[in-house]
Amino acid sequence: MVQVRLQKLLAAAGIDSRRKCEQMILDGKVRVNKKVIDTLPAFADPEKDIILANGKRIQPEKKVYYLLNKPKGVICTNSDPQGRKKAIDIIKSDQRIFCVGRLDIDTTGLIILTNDSQLTNRLTHPKYGISKTYIAHVKGLIDAAKIEKLKKGIWLADGKTQRSAVKILKKNSKESLIQIAVKQGQNRQIRRMLAKLELPVKSLKRIKIGRITAHKLGLRNYRQLTTREIEYLKNITRT
């Protein structure tokens, strides 16, 4: 059973603002399974409970799932005091969506956006360790010793990184192209790992989330996740 704050459910269903929905509850205008709810906090399961607001039943919010190929210069938060371009601005959706995790402003590539908070919490929980694969274009020559350090983990200010899967795609004396798969989500983790090895990042792109790939999805474009992809994400995060 997934318990969600009642005012949040009402607001998501388009009844009114969250603050006004709180007042509706306090005024006794909301029923859950025929019982009047007039105190806060109050919770309900949108999938199982019958919720009435002013005598009208509210419907569960339709869950939506998108895959965006994020361009550089776009941030992954729902609000920004600096007025920068946000990932949610690119996607045309009737639902209030949010990013699953983050890609920093200078990193391009795949990110999932959804309004499914339960799946989001699971996908971002360290317990499940969903692998994310990146292509890093770095300055300098990467050698076997540095590859081994990346694989075994590198000490950063917030602790040692977990083991990574690393593959050299291309290298010369001036620059290298590396594929790195990690299961952690530390802030700017890949960039910091490579900086520790004196390999400044020229560009960084996420190409896979688990086994979900762009599949010809161009930069700045997005698509809905397929039913199979959604089920895959739910299956790998089941306890």
Protein backbone atom coordinates (compact mmCIF):
# COMPACT_ATOMS: atom_id res chain seq x y z
CA MET A 1 0.00 0.00 0.00
CA VAL A 2 1.37 3.39 -1.04
CA GLN A 3 0.26 6.14 1.34
CA VAL A 4 0.40 9.67 -0.08
CA ARG A 5 -0.53 12.95 1.61
CA LEU A 6 -4.18 13.59 0.89
CA GLN A 7 -3.75 17.25 -0.09
CA LYS A 8 -1.07 16.22 -2.60
CA LEU A 9 -3.45 13.73 -4.22
CA LEU A 10 -6.21 16.33 -4.44
CA ALA A 11 -3.90 18.94 -5.96
CA ALA A 12 -2.49 16.42 -8.46
CA ALA A 13 -6.06 15.60 -9.54
CA GLY A 14 -6.61 19.27 -10.36
CA ILE A 15 -9.02 20.03 -7.48
CA ASP A 16 -7.15 23.18 -6.39
CA SER A 17 -3.79 24.33 -5.04
CA ARG A 18 -2.26 22.21 -2.32
CA ARG A 19 -2.88 24.89 0.30
CA LYS A 20 -6.57 25.20 -0.64
CA CYS A 21 -6.89 21.41 -0.65
CA GLU A 22 -5.57 21.38 2.91
CA GLN A 23 -8.32 23.82 3.86
CA MET A 24 -10.92 21.62 2.13
CA ILE A 25 -9.80 18.73 4.30
CA LEU A 26 -9.99 20.82 7.48
CA ASP A 27 -13.48 21.98 6.44
CA GLY A 28 -14.65 18.37 6.26
CA LYS A 29 -15.23 18.40 2.50
CA VAL A 30 -13.14 15.31 1.79
CA ARG A 31 -14.04 11.65 2.36
CA VAL A 32 -11.83 8.59 2.10
CA ASN A 33 -13.71 5.30 1.85
CA LYS A 34 -16.91 7.09 2.99
CA LYS A 35 -15.21 8.48 6.13
CA VAL A 36 -14.95 12.26 6.52
CA ILE A 37 -11.34 13.39 6.90
CA ASP A 38 -11.00 16.73 8.70
CA THR A 39 -7.56 16.63 10.32
CA LEU A 40 -4.00 16.81 9.04
CA PRO A 41 -1.75 15.06 8.32
CA ALA A 42 -3.96 12.70 6.33
CA PHE A 43 -2.94 9.99 3.89
CA ALA A 44 -4.55 7.76 1.27
CA ASP A 45 -3.64 5.16 -1.33
CA PRO A 46 -4.61 6.58 -4.75
CA GLU A 47 -4.76 3.11 -6.29
CA LYS A 48 -7.03 1.49 -3.70
CA ASP A 49 -8.93 4.13 -1.73
CA ILE A 50 -12.13 5.85 -2.85
CA ILE A 51 -11.54 9.58 -2.41
CA LEU A 52 -14.34 12.14 -2.68
CA ALA A 53 -13.84 15.92 -2.75
CA ASN A 54 -17.05 17.94 -2.47
CA GLY A 55 -18.90 14.71 -3.27
CA LYS A 56 -16.97 14.10 -6.50
CA ARG A 57 -14.67 11.13 -6.82
CA ILE A 58 -11.10 11.96 -7.82
CA GLN A 59 -9.28 9.69 -10.24
CA PRO A 60 -5.73 8.43 -9.69
CA GLU A 61 -3.14 10.49 -11.50
CA LYS A 62 -2.12 8.88 -14.77
CA LYS A 63 1.49 7.72 -14.55
CA VAL A 64 3.74 8.89 -17.37
CA TYR A 65 7.34 7.92 -18.17
CA TYR A 66 9.67 9.74 -20.56
CA LEU A 67 13.25 9.28 -21.73
CA LEU A 68 15.03 12.52 -22.60
CA ASN A 69 18.35 12.89 -24.41
CA LYS A 70 19.40 15.97 -22.44
CA PRO A 71 21.53 18.61 -24.17
CA LYS A 72 24.27 20.64 -22.49
CA GLY A 73 23.14 23.74 -20.61
CA VAL A 74 19.93 22.16 -19.28
CA ILE A 75 19.41 21.47 -15.57
CA CYS A 76 17.50 18.63 -13.93
CA THR A 77 15.52 20.43 -11.21
CA ASN A 78 11.91 21.65 -11.27
CA SER A 79 12.77 25.19 -10.21
CA ASP A 80 15.76 27.44 -10.71
CA PRO A 81 16.20 30.99 -9.32
CA GLN A 82 18.65 31.72 -12.15
CA GLY A 83 16.03 31.00 -14.80
CA ARG A 84 18.09 28.42 -16.66
CA LYS A 85 16.55 25.94 -19.10
CA LYS A 86 15.13 22.89 -17.31
CA ALA A 87 14.68 19.33 -18.54
CA ILE A 88 10.97 19.49 -17.71
CA ASP A 89 10.63 22.50 -20.07
CA ILE A 90 11.55 20.32 -23.05
CA ILE A 91 8.84 17.70 -22.50
CA LYS A 92 5.24 18.49 -23.35
CA SER A 93 3.18 16.73 -20.68
CA ASP A 94 -0.12 17.42 -18.95
CA GLN A 95 1.28 15.86 -15.77
CA ARG A 96 3.64 17.44 -13.25
CA ILE A 97 6.80 15.46 -13.95
CA PHE A 98 10.28 15.45 -12.42
CA CYS A 99 13.70 13.99 -13.17
CA VAL A 100 14.79 10.63 -11.81
CA GLY A 101 18.15 11.60 -10.37
CA ARG A 102 20.36 14.26 -11.96
CA LEU A 103 22.68 14.98 -14.83
CA ASP A 104 24.81 18.06 -14.24
CA ILE A 105 24.39 21.05 -16.53
CA ASP A 106 27.47 20.21 -18.64
CA THR A 107 26.64 16.52 -19.08
CA THR A 108 24.50 15.33 -21.97
CA GLY A 109 22.56 12.12 -22.42
CA LEU A 110 19.78 10.02 -21.02
CA ILE A 111 17.56 10.88 -18.09
CA ILE A 112 14.13 9.56 -17.14
CA LEU A 113 11.31 11.93 -16.20
CA THR A 114 8.08 10.77 -14.60
CA ASN A 115 5.37 11.55 -12.06
CA ASP A 116 5.75 8.12 -10.44
CA SER A 117 7.32 9.06 -7.10
CA GLN A 118 7.40 5.48 -5.82
CA LEU A 119 9.44 4.23 -8.79
CA THR A 120 11.65 7.33 -8.59
CA ASN A 121 12.47 6.63 -4.93
CA ARG A 122 13.42 3.06 -5.78
CA LEU A 123 15.50 3.94 -8.83
CA THR A 124 17.51 6.49 -6.83
CA HIS A 125 17.91 4.29 -3.73
CA PRO A 126 21.48 2.95 -3.19
CA LYS A 127 20.00 -0.46 -2.36
CA TYR A 128 19.18 -1.20 -5.99
CA GLY A 129 22.35 0.16 -7.60
CA ILE A 130 21.02 0.72 -11.11
CA SER A 131 23.98 0.82 -13.51
CA LYS A 132 24.45 3.99 -15.59
CA THR A 133 26.88 3.99 -18.50
CA TYR A 134 28.78 7.05 -19.74
CA ILE A 135 31.16 7.99 -22.54
CA ALA A 136 33.86 10.36 -21.29
CA HIS A 137 36.12 12.33 -23.63
CA VAL A 138 39.13 13.38 -21.56
CA LYS A 139 42.38 15.28 -22.01
CA GLY A 140 45.46 13.15 -21.62
CA LEU A 141 46.46 9.54 -22.11
CA ILE A 142 44.76 6.94 -19.93
CA ASP A 143 46.96 3.99 -19.12
CA ALA A 144 46.42 0.57 -17.54
CA ALA A 145 47.20 1.84 -14.02
CA LYS A 146 44.55 4.55 -14.20
CA ILE A 147 42.01 2.11 -15.64
CA GLU A 148 42.65 -0.22 -12.70
CA LYS A 149 42.11 2.60 -10.21
CA LEU A 150 38.79 3.49 -11.84
CA LYS A 151 37.71 -0.15 -11.71
CA LYS A 152 38.60 -0.63 -8.04
CA GLY A 153 37.21 2.71 -6.81
CA ILE A 154 38.63 6.13 -6.07
CA TRP A 155 38.59 8.08 -2.83
CA LEU A 156 36.59 11.30 -3.10
CA ALA A 157 35.67 13.85 -0.42
CA ASP A 158 32.42 11.97 0.32
CA GLY A 159 33.93 8.50 0.37
CA LYS A 160 35.33 5.83 -1.90
CA THR A 161 33.47 5.07 -5.11
CA GLN A 162 32.26 1.55 -5.81
CA ARG A 163 33.82 -0.66 -8.45
CA SER A 164 33.22 0.50 -12.03
CA ALA A 165 33.20 -1.24 -15.39
CA VAL A 166 35.65 0.59 -17.65
CA LYS A 167 36.52 0.22 -21.33
CA ILE A 168 38.95 2.23 -23.46
CA LEU A 169 37.32 3.17 -26.75
CA LYS A 170 40.11 5.31 -28.16
CA LYS A 171 43.33 6.90 -26.93
CA ASN A 172 46.43 8.79 -27.98
CA SER A 173 49.00 10.95 -26.24
CA LYS A 174 46.66 13.97 -26.07
CA GLU A 175 43.20 12.56 -25.36
CA SER A 176 41.22 9.44 -24.56
CA LEU A 177 37.67 8.16 -25.02
CA ILE A 178 36.44 5.97 -22.17
CA GLN A 179 33.24 4.07 -21.42
CA ILE A 180 32.45 3.94 -17.68
CA ALA A 181 29.53 2.20 -15.95
CA VAL A 182 28.81 3.10 -12.31
CA LYS A 183 26.08 2.17 -9.84
CA GLN A 184 26.42 5.14 -7.51
CA GLY A 185 25.00 8.61 -7.91
CA GLN A 186 27.41 10.92 -6.11
CA ASN A 187 27.40 14.54 -7.24
CA ARG A 188 29.46 14.95 -10.46
CA GLN A 189 30.98 11.56 -9.67
CA ILE A 190 32.50 10.67 -13.04
CA ARG A 191 34.09 14.10 -13.46
CA ARG A 192 35.57 14.00 -9.97
CA MET A 193 36.90 10.46 -10.43
CA LEU A 194 38.65 11.43 -13.63
CA ALA A 195 39.96 14.69 -12.16
CA LYS A 196 41.64 12.63 -9.42
CA LEU A 197 43.52 10.82 -12.17
CA GLU A 198 44.50 14.12 -13.83
CA LEU A 199 42.19 13.46 -16.76
CA PRO A 200 40.10 16.63 -17.23
CA VAL A 201 36.76 15.94 -18.91
CA LYS A 202 36.16 17.59 -22.28
CA SER A 203 32.69 16.10 -22.65
CA LEU A 204 30.55 13.55 -20.82
CA LYS A 205 27.51 11.72 -22.11
CA ARG A 206 25.22 9.16 -20.44
CA ILE A 207 24.30 6.47 -22.95
CA LYS A 208 22.50 3.83 -20.85
CA ILE A 209 20.31 3.56 -17.74
CA GLY A 210 20.35 -0.11 -16.79
CA ARG A 211 19.69 -1.65 -20.18
CA ILE A 212 17.63 1.29 -21.49
CA THR A 213 19.35 3.05 -24.39
CA ALA A 214 18.66 6.06 -26.60
CA HIS A 215 17.86 3.85 -29.62
CA LYS A 216 18.31 6.60 -32.23
CA LEU A 217 16.90 9.29 -29.93
CA GLY A 218 18.52 12.56 -31.01
CA LEU A 219 19.90 15.19 -28.68
CA ARG A 220 17.13 17.35 -27.11
CA ASN A 221 14.52 14.79 -28.22
CA TYR A 222 12.43 12.59 -25.96
CA ARG A 223 10.08 9.64 -26.14
CA GLN A 224 7.77 7.72 -23.86
CA LEU A 225 9.23 4.62 -22.28
CA THR A 226 7.80 1.42 -23.71
CA THR A 227 5.67 -0.90 -21.58
CA ARG A 228 8.55 -3.37 -21.58
CA GLU A 229 11.01 -0.72 -20.35
CA ILE A 230 8.66 0.38 -17.56
CA GLU A 231 8.17 -3.21 -16.42
CA TYR A 232 11.94 -3.73 -16.55
CA LEU A 233 12.52 -0.75 -14.22
CA LYS A 234 9.82 -1.94 -11.83
CA ASN A 235 11.15 -5.50 -11.81
CA ILE A 236 14.74 -4.55 -11.01
CA THR A 237 13.60 -2.40 -8.07
CA ARG A 238 11.28 -4.91 -6.45
CA THR A 239 12.29 -6.00 -2.96
